[in-house]
Amino acid sequence: MIKRIPNPDCKLPGNLNQNVFRYMDIDKFKYLLKENKLYLCRIDKLQDRFEGTYSRQQIKEDNEWLTKKGYDEVINSEKLNRIKLRQQTYVTCWCLYETDLDLMWKAYIPIKDGVAIRTTVNKLIKICDDPNNNWPDISTVGYYDQANGETLNYPGLDPFINKDLHFRLDNEIRIIYQPNIKLPSPEFLCLEINPSELIEEVILKPQSKIQFIEEIKKLLKQFDVKVPISYSRDDRPVCE
């Protein structure tokens, strides 16, 4: 049986049973349960408009080197290649923490009702190892001084598994999927999952109303996903 070969650029935490959290609004949660699919966003459509890019200083220095060597025509072709690769790269982002964080609720679900699903690094790896998903990569995210010109390896996966220091509190791990698709590419793609195998716990957004709690219970029962539902904060009781 053919197995996934991990990309050598990717890194994983030492503890593969470490908790990871994904914050999502109710619509994405319903989609995950109903379709058995995990949503991946095209990287150039993420909130950080510098996702998947190199520092401006690095590109400037590379272009100056190419001009000095007489390769001016390569500058534009490389620029187009970088744009194309961003439009063919998809990610799903998870937070590596022992508990859900108030900061993440406010950042990722500021208005709508939503949940956090808790799983482990190992269970994300299993998604990547599934041949039905065409073996995407998985890696922790590094944080570097992009704004001040720190450099990354070029070319390679580095711009997709590194972000500016501004985001270091995210403590992120992500699945990276680069399918061989033609442009124009869709704004999102999905990976096949089994919600019962992926999810270990569903955590309710802080200050969730009783009607929303009942809706989550109904959804889990409807799709036969038997996992605990908890309030946010470790000192809150598990919902009955």
C-alpha atoms as a PDB file:
ATOM      1  CA  MET A   1       0.000   0.000   0.000  1.00  0.00           C
ATOM      2  CA  ILE A   2       1.299   3.437  -0.950  1.00  0.00           C
ATOM      3  CA  LYS A   3       1.852   5.694   2.052  1.00  0.00           C
ATOM      4  CA  ARG A   4       2.120   9.439   2.403  1.00  0.00           C
ATOM      5  CA  ILE A   5       5.678  10.782   2.348  1.00  0.00           C
ATOM      6  CA  PRO A   6       5.894  13.792   4.709  1.00  0.00           C
ATOM      7  CA  ASN A   7       7.382  16.943   3.229  1.00  0.00           C
ATOM      8  CA  PRO A   8      10.835  17.491   4.802  1.00  0.00           C
ATOM      9  CA  ASP A   9       9.983  21.188   5.312  1.00  0.00           C
ATOM     10  CA  CYS A  10       7.146  20.253   7.671  1.00  0.00           C
ATOM     11  CA  LYS A  11       7.546  20.042  11.446  1.00  0.00           C
ATOM     12  CA  LEU A  12       5.407  18.364  14.097  1.00  0.00           C
ATOM     13  CA  PRO A  13       5.278  18.814  17.880  1.00  0.00           C
ATOM     14  CA  GLY A  14       6.988  16.229  20.060  1.00  0.00           C
ATOM     15  CA  ASN A  15       3.689  15.166  21.625  1.00  0.00           C
ATOM     16  CA  LEU A  16       1.366  13.935  18.892  1.00  0.00           C
ATOM     17  CA  ASN A  17      -1.452  13.509  21.414  1.00  0.00           C
ATOM     18  CA  GLN A  18      -1.442  17.239  22.148  1.00  0.00           C
ATOM     19  CA  ASN A  19      -4.814  18.991  21.993  1.00  0.00           C
ATOM     20  CA  VAL A  20      -5.647  21.146  18.997  1.00  0.00           C
ATOM     21  CA  PHE A  21      -8.673  23.382  18.545  1.00  0.00           C
ATOM     22  CA  ARG A  22     -10.563  24.602  15.514  1.00  0.00           C
ATOM     23  CA  TYR A  23     -12.986  27.514  15.993  1.00  0.00           C
ATOM     24  CA  MET A  24     -15.889  27.637  13.559  1.00  0.00           C
ATOM     25  CA  ASP A  25     -19.250  29.292  13.152  1.00  0.00           C
ATOM     26  CA  ILE A  26     -22.390  27.202  13.226  1.00  0.00           C
ATOM     27  CA  ASP A  27     -22.677  27.007   9.423  1.00  0.00           C
ATOM     28  CA  LYS A  28     -19.235  25.429   9.003  1.00  0.00           C
ATOM     29  CA  PHE A  29     -19.957  23.047  11.898  1.00  0.00           C
ATOM     30  CA  LYS A  30     -23.195  21.921  10.259  1.00  0.00           C
ATOM     31  CA  TYR A  31     -21.365  21.403   6.979  1.00  0.00           C
ATOM     32  CA  LEU A  32     -18.689  19.285   8.659  1.00  0.00           C
ATOM     33  CA  LEU A  33     -21.305  17.009  10.260  1.00  0.00           C
ATOM     34  CA  LYS A  34     -23.630  16.768   7.274  1.00  0.00           C
ATOM     35  CA  GLU A  35     -21.069  16.331   4.496  1.00  0.00           C
ATOM     36  CA  ASN A  36     -18.283  14.546   6.413  1.00  0.00           C
ATOM     37  CA  LYS A  37     -15.877  17.111   5.015  1.00  0.00           C
ATOM     38  CA  LEU A  38     -13.296  19.473   6.468  1.00  0.00           C
ATOM     39  CA  TYR A  39     -13.235  22.967   4.938  1.00  0.00           C
ATOM     40  CA  LEU A  40      -9.920  24.311   3.603  1.00  0.00           C
ATOM     41  CA  CYS A  41      -9.572  27.933   2.532  1.00  0.00           C
ATOM     42  CA  ARG A  42      -7.411  29.063  -0.377  1.00  0.00           C
ATOM     43  CA  ILE A  43      -4.443  30.708   1.256  1.00  0.00           C
ATOM     44  CA  ASP A  44      -4.724  34.032  -0.570  1.00  0.00           C
ATOM     45  CA  LYS A  45      -8.283  34.363   0.789  1.00  0.00           C
ATOM     46  CA  LEU A  46      -7.274  34.247   4.456  1.00  0.00           C
ATOM     47  CA  GLN A  47      -7.554  37.310   6.664  1.00  0.00           C
ATOM     48  CA  ASP A  48      -3.790  37.915   6.633  1.00  0.00           C
ATOM     49  CA  ARG A  49      -3.132  39.221   3.119  1.00  0.00           C
ATOM     50  CA  PHE A  50       0.552  38.265   3.417  1.00  0.00           C
ATOM     51  CA  GLU A  51      -0.184  34.539   3.849  1.00  0.00           C
ATOM     52  CA  GLY A  52       1.974  32.471   1.527  1.00  0.00           C
ATOM     53  CA  THR A  53       4.356  35.322   0.719  1.00  0.00           C
ATOM     54  CA  TYR A  54       7.979  36.183   1.349  1.00  0.00           C
ATOM     55  CA  SER A  55       9.120  39.428   2.951  1.00  0.00           C
ATOM     56  CA  ARG A  56       9.268  42.389   0.606  1.00  0.00           C
ATOM     57  CA  GLN A  57      12.941  42.791   1.477  1.00  0.00           C
ATOM     58  CA  GLN A  58      13.713  39.210   0.421  1.00  0.00           C
ATOM     59  CA  ILE A  59      11.952  39.637  -2.929  1.00  0.00           C
ATOM     60  CA  LYS A  60      13.705  42.975  -3.470  1.00  0.00           C
ATOM     61  CA  GLU A  61      17.130  41.435  -2.825  1.00  0.00           C
ATOM     62  CA  ASP A  62      16.367  38.415  -5.034  1.00  0.00           C
ATOM     63  CA  ASN A  63      15.241  40.683  -7.875  1.00  0.00           C
ATOM     64  CA  GLU A  64      18.358  42.811  -7.551  1.00  0.00           C
ATOM     65  CA  TRP A  65      20.516  39.670  -7.776  1.00  0.00           C
ATOM     66  CA  LEU A  66      18.651  38.491 -10.889  1.00  0.00           C
ATOM     67  CA  THR A  67      19.085  41.891 -12.541  1.00  0.00           C
ATOM     68  CA  LYS A  68      22.795  41.894 -11.726  1.00  0.00           C
ATOM     69  CA  LYS A  69      23.146  38.470 -13.345  1.00  0.00           C
ATOM     70  CA  GLY A  70      21.224  39.540 -16.433  1.00  0.00           C
ATOM     71  CA  TYR A  71      18.074  37.498 -15.711  1.00  0.00           C
ATOM     72  CA  ASP A  72      15.503  40.308 -15.810  1.00  0.00           C
ATOM     73  CA  GLU A  73      13.002  38.102 -17.635  1.00  0.00           C
ATOM     74  CA  VAL A  74      12.990  35.696 -14.679  1.00  0.00           C
ATOM     75  CA  ILE A  75      11.721  38.379 -12.281  1.00  0.00           C
ATOM     76  CA  ASN A  76       8.248  38.554 -13.820  1.00  0.00           C
ATOM     77  CA  SER A  77       7.947  34.798 -14.384  1.00  0.00           C
ATOM     78  CA  GLU A  78       8.835  34.117 -10.734  1.00  0.00           C
ATOM     79  CA  LYS A  79       6.319  36.716  -9.589  1.00  0.00           C
ATOM     80  CA  LEU A  80       3.597  35.005 -11.634  1.00  0.00           C
ATOM     81  CA  ASN A  81       4.624  31.595 -10.267  1.00  0.00           C
ATOM     82  CA  ARG A  82       4.315  32.850  -6.676  1.00  0.00           C
ATOM     83  CA  ILE A  83       0.854  34.242  -7.381  1.00  0.00           C
ATOM     84  CA  LYS A  84      -0.228  31.002  -9.052  1.00  0.00           C
ATOM     85  CA  LEU A  85       1.034  28.832  -6.184  1.00  0.00           C
ATOM     86  CA  ARG A  86      -0.877  30.903  -3.628  1.00  0.00           C
ATOM     87  CA  GLN A  87      -4.021  30.332  -5.703  1.00  0.00           C
ATOM     88  CA  GLN A  88      -3.388  26.569  -5.667  1.00  0.00           C
ATOM     89  CA  THR A  89      -2.666  26.188  -1.945  1.00  0.00           C
ATOM     90  CA  TYR A  90      -5.348  25.438   0.652  1.00  0.00           C
ATOM     91  CA  VAL A  91      -5.121  25.248   4.434  1.00  0.00           C
ATOM     92  CA  THR A  92      -7.118  24.446   7.536  1.00  0.00           C
ATOM     93  CA  CYS A  93      -5.695  26.075  10.650  1.00  0.00           C
ATOM     94  CA  TRP A  94      -5.786  24.717  14.211  1.00  0.00           C
ATOM     95  CA  CYS A  95      -4.505  26.084  17.540  1.00  0.00           C
ATOM     96  CA  LEU A  96      -2.072  24.048  19.664  1.00  0.00           C
ATOM     97  CA  TYR A  97      -3.182  24.656  23.258  1.00  0.00           C
ATOM     98  CA  GLU A  98      -4.367  22.615  26.220  1.00  0.00           C
ATOM     99  CA  THR A  99      -7.635  24.528  26.430  1.00  0.00           C
ATOM    100  CA  ASP A 100      -9.770  26.840  24.336  1.00  0.00           C
ATOM    101  CA  LEU A 101      -8.803  30.514  24.533  1.00  0.00           C
ATOM    102  CA  ASP A 102     -10.940  33.620  24.919  1.00  0.00           C
ATOM    103  CA  LEU A 103      -8.611  35.404  22.489  1.00  0.00           C
ATOM    104  CA  MET A 104      -9.408  32.884  19.749  1.00  0.00           C
ATOM    105  CA  TRP A 105     -13.161  33.058  20.274  1.00  0.00           C
ATOM    106  CA  LYS A 106     -13.023  36.825  19.820  1.00  0.00           C
ATOM    107  CA  ALA A 107     -10.772  36.570  16.771  1.00  0.00           C
ATOM    108  CA  TYR A 108     -12.492  33.775  14.843  1.00  0.00           C
ATOM    109  CA  ILE A 109     -16.166  33.941  15.901  1.00  0.00           C
ATOM    110  CA  PRO A 110     -16.742  37.542  16.961  1.00  0.00           C
ATOM    111  CA  ILE A 111     -20.448  37.747  16.104  1.00  0.00           C
ATOM    112  CA  LYS A 112     -22.188  34.530  15.021  1.00  0.00           C
ATOM    113  CA  ASP A 113     -22.916  31.485  17.155  1.00  0.00           C
ATOM    114  CA  GLY A 114     -20.136  28.920  16.995  1.00  0.00           C
ATOM    115  CA  VAL A 115     -18.158  26.116  18.565  1.00  0.00           C
ATOM    116  CA  ALA A 116     -14.624  24.914  18.968  1.00  0.00           C
ATOM    117  CA  ILE A 117     -13.901  21.305  18.188  1.00  0.00           C
ATOM    118  CA  ARG A 118     -11.099  19.666  20.123  1.00  0.00           C
ATOM    119  CA  THR A 119      -9.032  16.860  18.670  1.00  0.00           C
ATOM    120  CA  THR A 120      -5.359  15.834  18.651  1.00  0.00           C
ATOM    121  CA  VAL A 121      -2.394  16.222  16.333  1.00  0.00           C
ATOM    122  CA  ASN A 122      -2.494  12.473  15.695  1.00  0.00           C
ATOM    123  CA  LYS A 123      -6.051  12.665  14.391  1.00  0.00           C
ATOM    124  CA  LEU A 124      -5.114  15.452  11.989  1.00  0.00           C
ATOM    125  CA  ILE A 125      -2.231  13.320  10.750  1.00  0.00           C
ATOM    126  CA  LYS A 126      -4.699  10.493  10.050  1.00  0.00           C
ATOM    127  CA  ILE A 127      -6.661  12.832   7.767  1.00  0.00           C
ATOM    128  CA  CYS A 128      -3.462  13.505   5.828  1.00  0.00           C
ATOM    129  CA  ASP A 129      -2.610   9.808   5.685  1.00  0.00           C
ATOM    130  CA  ASP A 130      -5.971   8.950   4.102  1.00  0.00           C
ATOM    131  CA  PRO A 131      -5.310   8.185   0.388  1.00  0.00           C
ATOM    132  CA  ASN A 132      -8.828   9.461  -0.414  1.00  0.00           C
ATOM    133  CA  ASN A 133      -7.505  12.922   0.441  1.00  0.00           C
ATOM    134  CA  ASN A 134      -4.466  12.669  -1.874  1.00  0.00           C
ATOM    135  CA  TRP A 135      -2.011  13.055   1.007  1.00  0.00           C
ATOM    136  CA  PRO A 136      -1.897  16.717   2.032  1.00  0.00           C
ATOM    137  CA  ASP A 137       0.923  17.930   4.298  1.00  0.00           C
ATOM    138  CA  ILE A 138       0.705  18.901   7.960  1.00  0.00           C
ATOM    139  CA  SER A 139       3.036  21.177   9.905  1.00  0.00           C
ATOM    140  CA  THR A 140       3.305  23.477  12.859  1.00  0.00           C
ATOM    141  CA  VAL A 141       3.627  27.109  11.841  1.00  0.00           C
ATOM    142  CA  GLY A 142       6.850  29.024  12.447  1.00  0.00           C
ATOM    143  CA  TYR A 143       6.863  32.726  13.220  1.00  0.00           C
ATOM    144  CA  TYR A 144       9.475  35.043  11.759  1.00  0.00           C
ATOM    145  CA  ASP A 145      10.105  38.761  11.345  1.00  0.00           C
ATOM    146  CA  GLN A 146       8.532  39.088   7.914  1.00  0.00           C
ATOM    147  CA  ALA A 147       7.785  42.789   8.336  1.00  0.00           C
ATOM    148  CA  ASN A 148      11.477  43.553   8.874  1.00  0.00           C
ATOM    149  CA  GLY A 149      12.814  41.434   6.042  1.00  0.00           C
ATOM    150  CA  GLU A 150      13.725  38.075   7.589  1.00  0.00           C
ATOM    151  CA  THR A 151      14.204  35.484   4.834  1.00  0.00           C
ATOM    152  CA  LEU A 152      12.754  32.045   4.126  1.00  0.00           C
ATOM    153  CA  ASN A 153      13.922  29.191   1.903  1.00  0.00           C
ATOM    154  CA  TYR A 154      13.052  29.847  -1.730  1.00  0.00           C
ATOM    155  CA  PRO A 155      11.399  28.049  -3.391  1.00  0.00           C
ATOM    156  CA  GLY A 156       9.563  25.531  -1.199  1.00  0.00           C
ATOM    157  CA  LEU A 157       6.801  25.158   1.361  1.00  0.00           C
ATOM    158  CA  ASP A 158       8.269  27.707   3.786  1.00  0.00           C
ATOM    159  CA  PRO A 159       5.944  30.643   2.969  1.00  0.00           C
ATOM    160  CA  PHE A 160       2.930  28.416   3.670  1.00  0.00           C
ATOM    161  CA  ILE A 161       4.162  27.169   7.050  1.00  0.00           C
ATOM    162  CA  ASN A 162       5.585  30.443   8.361  1.00  0.00           C
ATOM    163  CA  LYS A 163       3.869  33.695   9.349  1.00  0.00           C
ATOM    164  CA  ASP A 164       4.875  37.064  10.720  1.00  0.00           C
ATOM    165  CA  LEU A 165       5.627  37.352  14.457  1.00  0.00           C
ATOM    166  CA  HIS A 166       2.421  39.378  14.739  1.00  0.00           C
ATOM    167  CA  PHE A 167       0.500  36.057  14.755  1.00  0.00           C
ATOM    168  CA  ARG A 168       2.677  34.020  17.113  1.00  0.00           C
ATOM    169  CA  LEU A 169      -0.010  33.775  19.823  1.00  0.00           C
ATOM    170  CA  ASP A 170      -2.017  31.606  17.398  1.00  0.00           C
ATOM    171  CA  ASN A 171       0.462  28.759  18.082  1.00  0.00           C
ATOM    172  CA  GLU A 172      -0.822  27.159  14.934  1.00  0.00           C
ATOM    173  CA  ILE A 173      -0.666  23.798  13.244  1.00  0.00           C
ATOM    174  CA  ARG A 174      -2.147  23.472   9.779  1.00  0.00           C
ATOM    175  CA  ILE A 175      -2.968  21.013   7.053  1.00  0.00           C
ATOM    176  CA  ILE A 176      -1.624  22.233   3.715  1.00  0.00           C
ATOM    177  CA  TYR A 177      -3.122  20.941   0.479  1.00  0.00           C
ATOM    178  CA  GLN A 178      -1.674  21.747  -2.941  1.00  0.00           C
ATOM    179  CA  PRO A 179      -3.759  19.833  -5.500  1.00  0.00           C
ATOM    180  CA  ASN A 180      -2.789  19.886  -9.133  1.00  0.00           C
ATOM    181  CA  ILE A 181      -5.678  22.023 -10.347  1.00  0.00           C
ATOM    182  CA  LYS A 182      -5.982  24.553 -13.137  1.00  0.00           C
ATOM    183  CA  LEU A 183      -6.735  28.229 -12.621  1.00  0.00           C
ATOM    184  CA  PRO A 184      -9.104  29.808 -11.881  1.00  0.00           C
ATOM    185  CA  SER A 185      -9.188  27.720  -8.719  1.00  0.00           C
ATOM    186  CA  PRO A 186     -12.097  27.572  -6.244  1.00  0.00           C
ATOM    187  CA  GLU A 187     -11.900  29.632  -3.061  1.00  0.00           C
ATOM    188  CA  PHE A 188     -12.151  26.514  -0.914  1.00  0.00           C
ATOM    189  CA  LEU A 189     -11.759  22.750  -1.067  1.00  0.00           C
ATOM    190  CA  CYS A 190     -12.620  19.964   1.355  1.00  0.00           C
ATOM    191  CA  LEU A 191     -11.015  16.829   2.747  1.00  0.00           C
ATOM    192  CA  GLU A 192     -12.951  13.711   3.664  1.00  0.00           C
ATOM    193  CA  ILE A 193     -13.306  13.061   7.385  1.00  0.00           C
ATOM    194  CA  ASN A 194     -15.332  10.997   9.831  1.00  0.00           C
ATOM    195  CA  PRO A 195     -16.630  13.467  12.443  1.00  0.00           C
ATOM    196  CA  SER A 196     -16.955  10.732  15.071  1.00  0.00           C
ATOM    197  CA  GLU A 197     -13.293   9.817  14.639  1.00  0.00           C
ATOM    198  CA  LEU A 198     -12.034  13.387  14.402  1.00  0.00           C
ATOM    199  CA  ILE A 199     -13.906  15.187  17.175  1.00  0.00           C
ATOM    200  CA  GLU A 200     -13.103  14.491  20.835  1.00  0.00           C
ATOM    201  CA  GLU A 201     -15.132  17.329  22.312  1.00  0.00           C
ATOM    202  CA  VAL A 202     -17.394  20.165  21.197  1.00  0.00           C
ATOM    203  CA  ILE A 203     -16.937  23.370  23.168  1.00  0.00           C
ATOM    204  CA  LEU A 204     -19.607  26.042  23.137  1.00  0.00           C
ATOM    205  CA  LYS A 205     -18.837  29.674  22.452  1.00  0.00           C
ATOM    206  CA  PRO A 206     -18.828  31.715  25.666  1.00  0.00           C
ATOM    207  CA  GLN A 207     -22.256  33.030  26.680  1.00  0.00           C
ATOM    208  CA  SER A 208     -24.075  30.643  24.369  1.00  0.00           C
ATOM    209  CA  LYS A 209     -27.831  30.743  24.878  1.00  0.00           C
ATOM    210  CA  ILE A 210     -29.790  27.648  25.875  1.00  0.00           C
ATOM    211  CA  GLN A 211     -31.441  27.512  22.427  1.00  0.00           C
ATOM    212  CA  PHE A 212     -28.013  27.194  20.796  1.00  0.00           C
ATOM    213  CA  ILE A 213     -26.951  24.477  23.220  1.00  0.00           C
ATOM    214  CA  GLU A 214     -30.059  22.497  22.322  1.00  0.00           C
ATOM    215  CA  GLU A 215     -29.348  23.013  18.622  1.00  0.00           C
ATOM    216  CA  ILE A 216     -25.840  21.548  19.010  1.00  0.00           C
ATOM    217  CA  LYS A 217     -27.211  18.546  20.923  1.00  0.00           C
ATOM    218  CA  LYS A 218     -29.789  17.981  18.180  1.00  0.00           C
ATOM    219  CA  LEU A 219     -27.163  18.180  15.442  1.00  0.00           C
ATOM    220  CA  LEU A 220     -24.863  15.666  17.126  1.00  0.00           C
ATOM    221  CA  LYS A 221     -27.751  13.282  17.683  1.00  0.00           C
ATOM    222  CA  GLN A 222     -28.985  13.695  14.097  1.00  0.00           C
ATOM    223  CA  PHE A 223     -25.595  12.724  12.659  1.00  0.00           C
ATOM    224  CA  ASP A 224     -24.838  10.124  15.338  1.00  0.00           C
ATOM    225  CA  VAL A 225     -21.730  11.828  16.671  1.00  0.00           C
ATOM    226  CA  LYS A 226     -21.352  10.785  20.301  1.00  0.00           C
ATOM    227  CA  VAL A 227     -18.957  13.294  21.849  1.00  0.00           C
ATOM    228  CA  PRO A 228     -19.210  15.454  24.974  1.00  0.00           C
ATOM    229  CA  ILE A 229     -20.416  19.039  24.780  1.00  0.00           C
ATOM    230  CA  SER A 230     -18.713  21.425  27.180  1.00  0.00           C
ATOM    231  CA  TYR A 231     -18.951  25.034  28.168  1.00  0.00           C
ATOM    232  CA  SER A 232     -15.934  27.198  27.483  1.00  0.00           C
ATOM    233  CA  ARG A 233     -13.446  27.423  30.405  1.00  0.00           C
ATOM    234  CA  ASP A 234     -12.047  24.373  32.166  1.00  0.00           C
ATOM    235  CA  ASP A 235     -13.897  25.065  35.406  1.00  0.00           C
ATOM    236  CA  ARG A 236     -17.383  24.900  33.831  1.00  0.00           C
ATOM    237  CA  PRO A 237     -19.415  21.688  34.122  1.00  0.00           C
ATOM    238  CA  VAL A 238     -20.038  19.405  31.183  1.00  0.00           C
ATOM    239  CA  CYS A 239     -23.513  19.943  29.730  1.00  0.00           C
ATOM    240  CA  GLU A 240     -26.026  17.318  30.731  1.00  0.00           C
END
